[in-house]
Amino acid sequence: PLAGTVEGVVQYAVTSTNALRITAINVHEGDKVRAGDVIVRLAREAPTPMVHSYARARANHENLVKDVQRLRALHAQGAISDQALDQAETRLKVAAAELQDVEGSTSLVATQDGIVAGIVANTGDVAEAGKPLVWIARTDDVKVNFTAGSRQALELAVGQPVAWDAPDGSLRQGEVARLDLRADPKTHLLAGEALFANPDGRLVPGLLVSIRVRTGARTDVVRVPAAALVDGNALFVVGADDVARKRPVTIGTSDPDFVEITSGLDAGEQVVRFGQSRLSDGDRVRRVEG
């Protein structure tokens, strides 16, 4: 098993281009957002060139709205030409676009649909230019960033199947999507990514999970339920006389449910799975079918 942290495959930060005070953060962690939703609002009263341009842009737009309304009335009376009205309408469209651009500097919006994965600022803070304020992630697909030790890393390859065991007992399948070309020189750990489909949103960004990578498949393997082991490396093997004998075994690979027995047990032999903690070597047992 490998431990890793869940992240959205697409993850981006909401940032400001100006150093302005935050007046409102309109979301909470875990909220779903749509592209265009206003995530953060910034103050407009700060003495910056951007805010001055906002005031000018708004005043210019309001004046042009009044001018166009007046010219439309004159045009209806035949007092001005079509060309004069068209020019005024064009100036109003340009002013509206400029106002929208300036308003975008103080109303920070989501650029893609997603879920709020983290909020790293507070109302009242000054938003530094380019510094993340809110993280948004798309979670219909997620990646699990993991690290592997030297022995594990030697068995990993891109494309190998990966499994995550959900708390409700269901199994989520994925695959290894990326492995670094070089291990960290200090920790000697190799970093990688596993991709999972996440249509139900169960894998939440920031969650620490344990995943299993299938590195290969072998046939003719003797394996027993992990719960049958006693003292870590022994089994109670039941003979034809229904007498249980405690036998040491050698364990190979394992997962949460089963362990491989590389020596000490032959295929077809029966072992005690339940109640073995109360057994002693040589006790008679009763077989239960099921």
C-alpha atoms as a PDB file:
ATOM      1  CA  PRO A   1       0.000   0.000   0.000  1.00  0.00           C
ATOM      2  CA  LEU A   2       1.016   3.597  -0.673  1.00  0.00           C
ATOM      3  CA  ALA A   3      -0.159   6.725   1.139  1.00  0.00           C
ATOM      4  CA  GLY A   4      -1.060   9.805  -0.859  1.00  0.00           C
ATOM      5  CA  THR A   5      -2.976  13.079  -0.868  1.00  0.00           C
ATOM      6  CA  VAL A   6      -5.978  13.744  -3.104  1.00  0.00           C
ATOM      7  CA  GLU A   7      -5.955  16.734  -5.456  1.00  0.00           C
ATOM      8  CA  GLY A   8      -8.198  17.832  -8.301  1.00  0.00           C
ATOM      9  CA  VAL A   9      -6.796  17.088 -11.732  1.00  0.00           C
ATOM     10  CA  VAL A  10      -7.639  20.682 -12.647  1.00  0.00           C
ATOM     11  CA  GLN A  11      -6.831  23.009  -9.761  1.00  0.00           C
ATOM     12  CA  TYR A  12      -6.348  26.752  -9.930  1.00  0.00           C
ATOM     13  CA  ALA A  13      -6.055  29.775  -7.666  1.00  0.00           C
ATOM     14  CA  VAL A  14      -8.260  32.860  -7.601  1.00  0.00           C
ATOM     15  CA  THR A  15      -5.853  35.812  -7.490  1.00  0.00           C
ATOM     16  CA  SER A  16      -5.919  39.597  -7.674  1.00  0.00           C
ATOM     17  CA  THR A  17      -3.844  41.775  -9.984  1.00  0.00           C
ATOM     18  CA  ASN A  18      -3.934  44.639  -7.473  1.00  0.00           C
ATOM     19  CA  ALA A  19      -3.081  45.106  -3.805  1.00  0.00           C
ATOM     20  CA  LEU A  20      -6.588  45.855  -2.525  1.00  0.00           C
ATOM     21  CA  ARG A  21      -8.445  45.116   0.695  1.00  0.00           C
ATOM     22  CA  ILE A  22     -10.744  42.063   0.658  1.00  0.00           C
ATOM     23  CA  THR A  23     -14.300  43.106   1.492  1.00  0.00           C
ATOM     24  CA  ALA A  24     -16.009  39.738   1.050  1.00  0.00           C
ATOM     25  CA  ILE A  25     -15.279  36.077   0.412  1.00  0.00           C
ATOM     26  CA  ASN A  26     -18.499  34.614  -0.961  1.00  0.00           C
ATOM     27  CA  VAL A  27     -17.708  30.903  -0.606  1.00  0.00           C
ATOM     28  CA  HIS A  28     -16.799  28.258   1.963  1.00  0.00           C
ATOM     29  CA  GLU A  29     -14.565  25.222   1.602  1.00  0.00           C
ATOM     30  CA  GLY A  30     -16.486  22.423  -0.093  1.00  0.00           C
ATOM     31  CA  ASP A  31     -18.888  24.756  -1.953  1.00  0.00           C
ATOM     32  CA  LYS A  32     -19.596  23.979  -5.602  1.00  0.00           C
ATOM     33  CA  VAL A  33     -19.039  26.937  -7.922  1.00  0.00           C
ATOM     34  CA  ARG A  34     -19.758  27.667 -11.570  1.00  0.00           C
ATOM     35  CA  ALA A  35     -17.623  29.573 -14.026  1.00  0.00           C
ATOM     36  CA  GLY A  36     -18.415  33.276 -13.631  1.00  0.00           C
ATOM     37  CA  ASP A  37     -19.467  33.093  -9.967  1.00  0.00           C
ATOM     38  CA  VAL A  38     -18.005  35.945  -7.907  1.00  0.00           C
ATOM     39  CA  ILE A  39     -15.654  34.350  -5.381  1.00  0.00           C
ATOM     40  CA  VAL A  40     -13.943  37.370  -3.789  1.00  0.00           C
ATOM     41  CA  ARG A  41     -14.821  41.069  -3.726  1.00  0.00           C
ATOM     42  CA  LEU A  42     -12.173  43.751  -3.255  1.00  0.00           C
ATOM     43  CA  ALA A  43     -12.525  47.325  -1.993  1.00  0.00           C
ATOM     44  CA  ARG A  44     -12.876  50.120  -4.550  1.00  0.00           C
ATOM     45  CA  GLU A  45     -12.097  52.997  -2.233  1.00  0.00           C
ATOM     46  CA  ALA A  46      -8.356  52.339  -1.964  1.00  0.00           C
ATOM     47  CA  PRO A  47      -6.205  55.133  -3.461  1.00  0.00           C
ATOM     48  CA  THR A  48      -4.820  53.244  -6.446  1.00  0.00           C
ATOM     49  CA  PRO A  49      -4.823  54.016 -10.168  1.00  0.00           C
ATOM     50  CA  MET A  50      -7.082  51.029 -10.757  1.00  0.00           C
ATOM     51  CA  VAL A  51      -9.760  52.408  -8.436  1.00  0.00           C
ATOM     52  CA  HIS A  52      -9.507  55.839 -10.017  1.00  0.00           C
ATOM     53  CA  SER A  53     -10.001  54.221 -13.424  1.00  0.00           C
ATOM     54  CA  TYR A  54     -13.070  52.425 -12.067  1.00  0.00           C
ATOM     55  CA  ALA A  55     -14.647  55.711 -11.001  1.00  0.00           C
ATOM     56  CA  ARG A  56     -13.850  57.286 -14.379  1.00  0.00           C
ATOM     57  CA  ALA A  57     -15.132  54.259 -16.294  1.00  0.00           C
ATOM     58  CA  ARG A  58     -18.398  54.208 -14.363  1.00  0.00           C
ATOM     59  CA  ALA A  59     -18.957  57.952 -14.742  1.00  0.00           C
ATOM     60  CA  ASN A  60     -18.177  57.758 -18.463  1.00  0.00           C
ATOM     61  CA  HIS A  61     -20.594  54.861 -18.912  1.00  0.00           C
ATOM     62  CA  GLU A  62     -23.404  56.643 -17.042  1.00  0.00           C
ATOM     63  CA  ASN A  63     -22.921  59.821 -19.098  1.00  0.00           C
ATOM     64  CA  LEU A  64     -22.989  57.881 -22.370  1.00  0.00           C
ATOM     65  CA  VAL A  65     -26.166  56.067 -21.309  1.00  0.00           C
ATOM     66  CA  LYS A  66     -27.840  59.443 -20.835  1.00  0.00           C
ATOM     67  CA  ASP A  67     -26.475  60.731 -24.159  1.00  0.00           C
ATOM     68  CA  VAL A  68     -27.757  57.705 -26.075  1.00  0.00           C
ATOM     69  CA  GLN A  69     -31.195  57.987 -24.465  1.00  0.00           C
ATOM     70  CA  ARG A  70     -31.341  61.668 -25.486  1.00  0.00           C
ATOM     71  CA  LEU A  71     -30.116  60.949 -29.031  1.00  0.00           C
ATOM     72  CA  ARG A  72     -32.622  58.144 -29.478  1.00  0.00           C
ATOM     73  CA  ALA A  73     -35.423  60.580 -28.683  1.00  0.00           C
ATOM     74  CA  LEU A  74     -34.010  63.113 -31.153  1.00  0.00           C
ATOM     75  CA  HIS A  75     -33.588  60.418 -33.792  1.00  0.00           C
ATOM     76  CA  ALA A  76     -37.233  59.402 -33.373  1.00  0.00           C
ATOM     77  CA  GLN A  77     -38.176  63.029 -34.110  1.00  0.00           C
ATOM     78  CA  GLY A  78     -35.936  63.081 -37.171  1.00  0.00           C
ATOM     79  CA  ALA A  79     -33.613  65.671 -35.596  1.00  0.00           C
ATOM     80  CA  ILE A  80     -30.382  63.634 -36.014  1.00  0.00           C
ATOM     81  CA  SER A  81     -29.082  61.182 -38.606  1.00  0.00           C
ATOM     82  CA  ASP A  82     -28.779  57.397 -38.367  1.00  0.00           C
ATOM     83  CA  GLN A  83     -25.005  57.794 -38.499  1.00  0.00           C
ATOM     84  CA  ALA A  84     -24.897  60.084 -35.444  1.00  0.00           C
ATOM     85  CA  LEU A  85     -27.012  57.642 -33.409  1.00  0.00           C
ATOM     86  CA  ASP A  86     -24.884  54.662 -34.525  1.00  0.00           C
ATOM     87  CA  GLN A  87     -21.706  56.442 -33.417  1.00  0.00           C
ATOM     88  CA  ALA A  88     -23.194  57.159 -29.986  1.00  0.00           C
ATOM     89  CA  GLU A  89     -24.365  53.531 -29.628  1.00  0.00           C
ATOM     90  CA  THR A  90     -20.839  52.337 -30.481  1.00  0.00           C
ATOM     91  CA  ARG A  91     -19.259  54.646 -27.889  1.00  0.00           C
ATOM     92  CA  LEU A  92     -21.679  53.263 -25.281  1.00  0.00           C
ATOM     93  CA  LYS A  93     -20.727  49.644 -26.121  1.00  0.00           C
ATOM     94  CA  VAL A  94     -17.028  50.467 -25.751  1.00  0.00           C
ATOM     95  CA  ALA A  95     -17.653  52.207 -22.409  1.00  0.00           C
ATOM     96  CA  ALA A  96     -19.687  49.222 -21.155  1.00  0.00           C
ATOM     97  CA  ALA A  97     -16.831  46.850 -22.050  1.00  0.00           C
ATOM     98  CA  GLU A  98     -14.290  49.092 -20.290  1.00  0.00           C
ATOM     99  CA  LEU A  99     -16.460  49.234 -17.164  1.00  0.00           C
ATOM    100  CA  GLN A 100     -16.832  45.457 -17.166  1.00  0.00           C
ATOM    101  CA  ASP A 101     -13.049  45.031 -17.420  1.00  0.00           C
ATOM    102  CA  VAL A 102     -12.449  47.390 -14.513  1.00  0.00           C
ATOM    103  CA  GLU A 103     -15.164  45.749 -12.389  1.00  0.00           C
ATOM    104  CA  GLY A 104     -13.381  42.436 -12.995  1.00  0.00           C
ATOM    105  CA  SER A 105     -10.418  43.802 -11.038  1.00  0.00           C
ATOM    106  CA  THR A 106     -12.542  44.097  -7.886  1.00  0.00           C
ATOM    107  CA  SER A 107     -14.911  41.159  -8.438  1.00  0.00           C
ATOM    108  CA  LEU A 108     -12.792  38.016  -8.717  1.00  0.00           C
ATOM    109  CA  VAL A 109     -14.664  35.168 -10.387  1.00  0.00           C
ATOM    110  CA  ALA A 110     -14.267  31.429 -10.923  1.00  0.00           C
ATOM    111  CA  THR A 111     -12.895  30.675 -14.372  1.00  0.00           C
ATOM    112  CA  GLN A 112     -14.064  27.038 -14.366  1.00  0.00           C
ATOM    113  CA  ASP A 113     -16.665  24.930 -12.590  1.00  0.00           C
ATOM    114  CA  GLY A 114     -15.349  23.153  -9.497  1.00  0.00           C
ATOM    115  CA  ILE A 115     -15.320  22.831  -5.729  1.00  0.00           C
ATOM    116  CA  VAL A 116     -13.672  25.247  -3.303  1.00  0.00           C
ATOM    117  CA  ALA A 117     -10.672  23.240  -2.110  1.00  0.00           C
ATOM    118  CA  GLY A 118      -9.099  25.853   0.150  1.00  0.00           C
ATOM    119  CA  ILE A 119      -9.426  29.460   1.328  1.00  0.00           C
ATOM    120  CA  VAL A 120      -6.095  31.047   2.221  1.00  0.00           C
ATOM    121  CA  ALA A 121      -7.204  34.633   2.918  1.00  0.00           C
ATOM    122  CA  ASN A 122      -9.609  36.431   5.237  1.00  0.00           C
ATOM    123  CA  THR A 123     -11.990  39.342   4.869  1.00  0.00           C
ATOM    124  CA  GLY A 124     -10.071  42.504   5.757  1.00  0.00           C
ATOM    125  CA  ASP A 125      -6.725  41.215   4.458  1.00  0.00           C
ATOM    126  CA  VAL A 126      -4.959  43.073   1.676  1.00  0.00           C
ATOM    127  CA  ALA A 127      -4.844  40.855  -1.391  1.00  0.00           C
ATOM    128  CA  GLU A 128      -1.277  40.877  -2.658  1.00  0.00           C
ATOM    129  CA  ALA A 129      -1.010  40.913  -6.445  1.00  0.00           C
ATOM    130  CA  GLY A 130      -0.675  37.388  -7.810  1.00  0.00           C
ATOM    131  CA  LYS A 131      -0.965  35.667  -4.410  1.00  0.00           C
ATOM    132  CA  PRO A 132      -3.601  32.883  -4.185  1.00  0.00           C
ATOM    133  CA  LEU A 133      -6.729  33.792  -2.210  1.00  0.00           C
ATOM    134  CA  VAL A 134      -8.959  30.775  -2.900  1.00  0.00           C
ATOM    135  CA  TRP A 135      -8.158  27.396  -4.464  1.00  0.00           C
ATOM    136  CA  ILE A 136     -10.759  25.773  -6.718  1.00  0.00           C
ATOM    137  CA  ALA A 137     -10.530  22.205  -8.005  1.00  0.00           C
ATOM    138  CA  ARG A 138     -12.506  20.107 -10.439  1.00  0.00           C
ATOM    139  CA  THR A 139     -13.215  16.797  -8.724  1.00  0.00           C
ATOM    140  CA  ASP A 140     -14.976  14.683 -11.363  1.00  0.00           C
ATOM    141  CA  ASP A 141     -11.467  13.282 -11.847  1.00  0.00           C
ATOM    142  CA  VAL A 142      -8.811  13.408  -9.135  1.00  0.00           C
ATOM    143  CA  LYS A 143      -5.175  12.503  -8.706  1.00  0.00           C
ATOM    144  CA  VAL A 144      -3.508  10.998  -5.663  1.00  0.00           C
ATOM    145  CA  ASN A 145       0.030  12.281  -5.148  1.00  0.00           C
ATOM    146  CA  PHE A 146       2.077   9.551  -3.463  1.00  0.00           C
ATOM    147  CA  THR A 147       5.665   8.701  -2.597  1.00  0.00           C
ATOM    148  CA  ALA A 148       7.238   5.263  -2.686  1.00  0.00           C
ATOM    149  CA  GLY A 149      10.272   3.819  -0.936  1.00  0.00           C
ATOM    150  CA  SER A 150      13.169   2.266  -2.834  1.00  0.00           C
ATOM    151  CA  ARG A 151      11.823  -1.310  -2.867  1.00  0.00           C
ATOM    152  CA  GLN A 152       8.332  -0.186  -3.834  1.00  0.00           C
ATOM    153  CA  ALA A 153       9.604   2.191  -6.531  1.00  0.00           C
ATOM    154  CA  LEU A 154      11.437  -0.606  -8.354  1.00  0.00           C
ATOM    155  CA  GLU A 155       8.115  -2.379  -8.949  1.00  0.00           C
ATOM    156  CA  LEU A 156       6.150   0.652 -10.143  1.00  0.00           C
ATOM    157  CA  ALA A 157       5.398   1.587 -13.741  1.00  0.00           C
ATOM    158  CA  VAL A 158       3.078   4.040 -15.484  1.00  0.00           C
ATOM    159  CA  GLY A 159      -0.200   2.377 -16.439  1.00  0.00           C
ATOM    160  CA  GLN A 160      -0.354  -0.100 -13.573  1.00  0.00           C
ATOM    161  CA  PRO A 161      -3.842  -0.541 -12.054  1.00  0.00           C
ATOM    162  CA  VAL A 162      -4.470   1.120  -8.695  1.00  0.00           C
ATOM    163  CA  ALA A 163      -7.240   0.508  -6.167  1.00  0.00           C
ATOM    164  CA  TRP A 164      -8.671   2.573  -3.321  1.00  0.00           C
ATOM    165  CA  ASP A 165     -10.789   0.828  -0.702  1.00  0.00           C
ATOM    166  CA  ALA A 166     -13.585   3.195   0.332  1.00  0.00           C
ATOM    167  CA  PRO A 167     -14.758   3.130   3.976  1.00  0.00           C
ATOM    168  CA  ASP A 168     -18.084   1.572   2.883  1.00  0.00           C
ATOM    169  CA  GLY A 169     -16.243  -1.435   1.438  1.00  0.00           C
ATOM    170  CA  SER A 170     -16.554  -0.421  -2.226  1.00  0.00           C
ATOM    171  CA  LEU A 171     -13.522  -0.468  -4.507  1.00  0.00           C
ATOM    172  CA  ARG A 172     -12.455   2.461  -6.693  1.00  0.00           C
ATOM    173  CA  GLN A 173     -10.169   1.632  -9.644  1.00  0.00           C
ATOM    174  CA  GLY A 174      -7.525   3.914 -11.152  1.00  0.00           C
ATOM    175  CA  GLU A 175      -4.077   3.772 -12.684  1.00  0.00           C
ATOM    176  CA  VAL A 176      -0.568   5.100 -12.184  1.00  0.00           C
ATOM    177  CA  ALA A 177      -0.362   8.176 -14.441  1.00  0.00           C
ATOM    178  CA  ARG A 178       3.060   9.632 -13.631  1.00  0.00           C
ATOM    179  CA  LEU A 179       6.317   8.703 -11.936  1.00  0.00           C
ATOM    180  CA  ASP A 180       9.191  11.098 -11.382  1.00  0.00           C
ATOM    181  CA  LEU A 181      12.365  10.281 -13.282  1.00  0.00           C
ATOM    182  CA  ARG A 182      14.464  10.854 -10.182  1.00  0.00           C
ATOM    183  CA  ALA A 183      13.979  10.106  -6.488  1.00  0.00           C
ATOM    184  CA  ASP A 184      14.370  12.855  -3.902  1.00  0.00           C
ATOM    185  CA  PRO A 185      18.086  12.887  -2.998  1.00  0.00           C
ATOM    186  CA  LYS A 186      17.354  13.628   0.675  1.00  0.00           C
ATOM    187  CA  THR A 187      14.478  11.243   1.401  1.00  0.00           C
ATOM    188  CA  HIS A 188      15.252   8.719  -1.387  1.00  0.00           C
ATOM    189  CA  LEU A 189      11.506   8.559  -2.053  1.00  0.00           C
ATOM    190  CA  LEU A 190      10.052   8.505  -5.575  1.00  0.00           C
ATOM    191  CA  ALA A 191       6.997  10.698  -6.198  1.00  0.00           C
ATOM    192  CA  GLY A 192       4.154   9.782  -8.514  1.00  0.00           C
ATOM    193  CA  GLU A 193       0.483  10.316  -9.362  1.00  0.00           C
ATOM    194  CA  ALA A 194      -2.446   7.946  -9.655  1.00  0.00           C
ATOM    195  CA  LEU A 195      -5.624   9.021 -11.473  1.00  0.00           C
ATOM    196  CA  PHE A 196      -9.136   8.082 -10.354  1.00  0.00           C
ATOM    197  CA  ALA A 197     -12.570   8.837 -11.750  1.00  0.00           C
ATOM    198  CA  ASN A 198     -14.572  10.527  -8.991  1.00  0.00           C
ATOM    199  CA  PRO A 199     -18.157  11.002 -10.199  1.00  0.00           C
ATOM    200  CA  ASP A 200     -19.630  10.898  -6.691  1.00  0.00           C
ATOM    201  CA  GLY A 201     -17.061  13.293  -5.175  1.00  0.00           C
ATOM    202  CA  ARG A 202     -16.036  10.804  -2.471  1.00  0.00           C
ATOM    203  CA  LEU A 203     -12.340  11.563  -2.989  1.00  0.00           C
ATOM    204  CA  VAL A 204     -12.119  15.077  -1.564  1.00  0.00           C
ATOM    205  CA  PRO A 205      -9.063  17.278  -2.265  1.00  0.00           C
ATOM    206  CA  GLY A 206      -6.725  17.301   0.717  1.00  0.00           C
ATOM    207  CA  LEU A 207      -7.794  13.846   1.911  1.00  0.00           C
ATOM    208  CA  LEU A 208      -5.015  11.428   2.923  1.00  0.00           C
ATOM    209  CA  VAL A 209      -5.743   7.967   1.485  1.00  0.00           C
ATOM    210  CA  SER A 210      -4.078   4.596   1.179  1.00  0.00           C
ATOM    211  CA  ILE A 211      -3.950   3.038  -2.300  1.00  0.00           C
ATOM    212  CA  ARG A 212      -2.812  -0.342  -3.593  1.00  0.00           C
ATOM    213  CA  VAL A 213      -0.869  -0.761  -6.836  1.00  0.00           C
ATOM    214  CA  ARG A 214      -1.038  -4.033  -8.706  1.00  0.00           C
ATOM    215  CA  THR A 215       2.546  -4.523  -9.851  1.00  0.00           C
ATOM    216  CA  GLY A 216       2.074  -7.964 -11.407  1.00  0.00           C
ATOM    217  CA  ALA A 217       0.052 -11.151 -11.433  1.00  0.00           C
ATOM    218  CA  ARG A 218       1.148 -14.673 -10.556  1.00  0.00           C
ATOM    219  CA  THR A 219      -0.615 -18.017 -10.805  1.00  0.00           C
ATOM    220  CA  ASP A 220      -0.418 -21.126  -8.606  1.00  0.00           C
ATOM    221  CA  VAL A 221       0.022 -19.043  -5.456  1.00  0.00           C
ATOM    222  CA  VAL A 222      -0.927 -20.484  -2.067  1.00  0.00           C
ATOM    223  CA  ARG A 223      -2.742 -17.836  -0.063  1.00  0.00           C
ATOM    224  CA  VAL A 224      -4.876 -17.718   3.061  1.00  0.00           C
ATOM    225  CA  PRO A 225      -7.121 -15.123   4.690  1.00  0.00           C
ATOM    226  CA  ALA A 226      -5.019 -12.623   6.617  1.00  0.00           C
ATOM    227  CA  ALA A 227      -7.269 -13.202   9.647  1.00  0.00           C
ATOM    228  CA  ALA A 228      -6.126 -16.853   9.851  1.00  0.00           C
ATOM    229  CA  LEU A 229      -2.577 -15.931  10.921  1.00  0.00           C
ATOM    230  CA  VAL A 230      -1.557 -16.306  14.561  1.00  0.00           C
ATOM    231  CA  ASP A 231       1.553 -14.816  16.129  1.00  0.00           C
ATOM    232  CA  GLY A 232       2.289 -13.105  12.843  1.00  0.00           C
ATOM    233  CA  ASN A 233       3.735 -16.113  10.989  1.00  0.00           C
ATOM    234  CA  ALA A 234       1.884 -19.284  11.995  1.00  0.00           C
ATOM    235  CA  LEU A 235      -1.331 -21.109  11.112  1.00  0.00           C
ATOM    236  CA  PHE A 236      -3.447 -23.815  12.690  1.00  0.00           C
ATOM    237  CA  VAL A 237      -3.623 -26.508  10.011  1.00  0.00           C
ATOM    238  CA  VAL A 238      -6.459 -29.037  10.311  1.00  0.00           C
ATOM    239  CA  GLY A 239      -5.729 -32.663   9.431  1.00  0.00           C
ATOM    240  CA  ALA A 240      -8.098 -35.444   8.367  1.00  0.00           C
ATOM    241  CA  ASP A 241      -8.606 -36.317  12.047  1.00  0.00           C
ATOM    242  CA  ASP A 242      -9.986 -32.795  12.717  1.00  0.00           C
ATOM    243  CA  VAL A 243      -7.012 -32.041  14.966  1.00  0.00           C
ATOM    244  CA  ALA A 244      -5.469 -28.556  14.600  1.00  0.00           C
ATOM    245  CA  ARG A 245      -1.693 -28.344  14.541  1.00  0.00           C
ATOM    246  CA  LYS A 246       0.117 -25.023  14.875  1.00  0.00           C
ATOM    247  CA  ARG A 247       2.584 -24.672  12.036  1.00  0.00           C
ATOM    248  CA  PRO A 248       5.090 -21.884  11.239  1.00  0.00           C
ATOM    249  CA  VAL A 249       4.889 -20.561   7.685  1.00  0.00           C
ATOM    250  CA  THR A 250       6.785 -18.131   5.491  1.00  0.00           C
ATOM    251  CA  ILE A 251       4.784 -15.144   4.278  1.00  0.00           C
ATOM    252  CA  GLY A 252       5.165 -13.489   0.876  1.00  0.00           C
ATOM    253  CA  THR A 253       3.151 -10.621  -0.537  1.00  0.00           C
ATOM    254  CA  SER A 254      -0.045  -9.506   1.131  1.00  0.00           C
ATOM    255  CA  ASP A 255      -3.006  -7.158   0.940  1.00  0.00           C
ATOM    256  CA  PRO A 256      -5.570  -6.231   3.611  1.00  0.00           C
ATOM    257  CA  ASP A 257      -7.542  -9.453   2.980  1.00  0.00           C
ATOM    258  CA  PHE A 258      -5.100 -12.215   1.989  1.00  0.00           C
ATOM    259  CA  VAL A 259      -1.463 -13.220   2.461  1.00  0.00           C
ATOM    260  CA  GLU A 260       0.730 -15.368   0.263  1.00  0.00           C
ATOM    261  CA  ILE A 261       2.321 -18.448   1.894  1.00  0.00           C
ATOM    262  CA  THR A 262       5.637 -19.237   0.198  1.00  0.00           C
ATOM    263  CA  SER A 263       6.499 -22.247   2.367  1.00  0.00           C
ATOM    264  CA  GLY A 264       5.016 -24.318   5.192  1.00  0.00           C
ATOM    265  CA  LEU A 265       1.590 -24.908   3.632  1.00  0.00           C
ATOM    266  CA  ASP A 266       0.480 -26.897   0.596  1.00  0.00           C
ATOM    267  CA  ALA A 267      -2.406 -26.029  -1.694  1.00  0.00           C
ATOM    268  CA  GLY A 268      -5.560 -27.818  -0.565  1.00  0.00           C
ATOM    269  CA  GLU A 269      -4.706 -27.958   3.132  1.00  0.00           C
ATOM    270  CA  GLN A 270      -7.275 -26.451   5.448  1.00  0.00           C
ATOM    271  CA  VAL A 271      -6.567 -23.844   8.115  1.00  0.00           C
ATOM    272  CA  VAL A 272      -8.542 -22.452  11.033  1.00  0.00           C
ATOM    273  CA  ARG A 273      -9.990 -19.045  10.219  1.00  0.00           C
ATOM    274  CA  PHE A 274     -12.186 -18.332  13.243  1.00  0.00           C
ATOM    275  CA  GLY A 275     -11.488 -18.904  16.937  1.00  0.00           C
ATOM    276  CA  GLN A 276      -7.821 -19.766  16.501  1.00  0.00           C
ATOM    277  CA  SER A 277      -6.820 -17.366  19.293  1.00  0.00           C
ATOM    278  CA  ARG A 278      -8.387 -19.830  21.778  1.00  0.00           C
ATOM    279  CA  LEU A 279      -6.725 -22.919  20.317  1.00  0.00           C
ATOM    280  CA  SER A 280      -3.718 -24.869  21.499  1.00  0.00           C
ATOM    281  CA  ASP A 281      -1.649 -27.228  19.404  1.00  0.00           C
ATOM    282  CA  GLY A 282      -3.427 -30.603  19.193  1.00  0.00           C
ATOM    283  CA  ASP A 283      -6.942 -29.343  19.944  1.00  0.00           C
ATOM    284  CA  ARG A 284      -9.787 -30.960  18.063  1.00  0.00           C
ATOM    285  CA  VAL A 285     -11.928 -28.606  15.959  1.00  0.00           C
ATOM    286  CA  ARG A 286     -15.324 -28.758  14.309  1.00  0.00           C
ATOM    287  CA  ARG A 287     -15.574 -27.958  10.596  1.00  0.00           C
ATOM    288  CA  VAL A 288     -18.244 -25.474   9.553  1.00  0.00           C
ATOM    289  CA  GLU A 289     -19.292 -25.303   5.927  1.00  0.00           C
ATOM    290  CA  GLY A 290     -20.010 -21.884   4.439  1.00  0.00           C
END
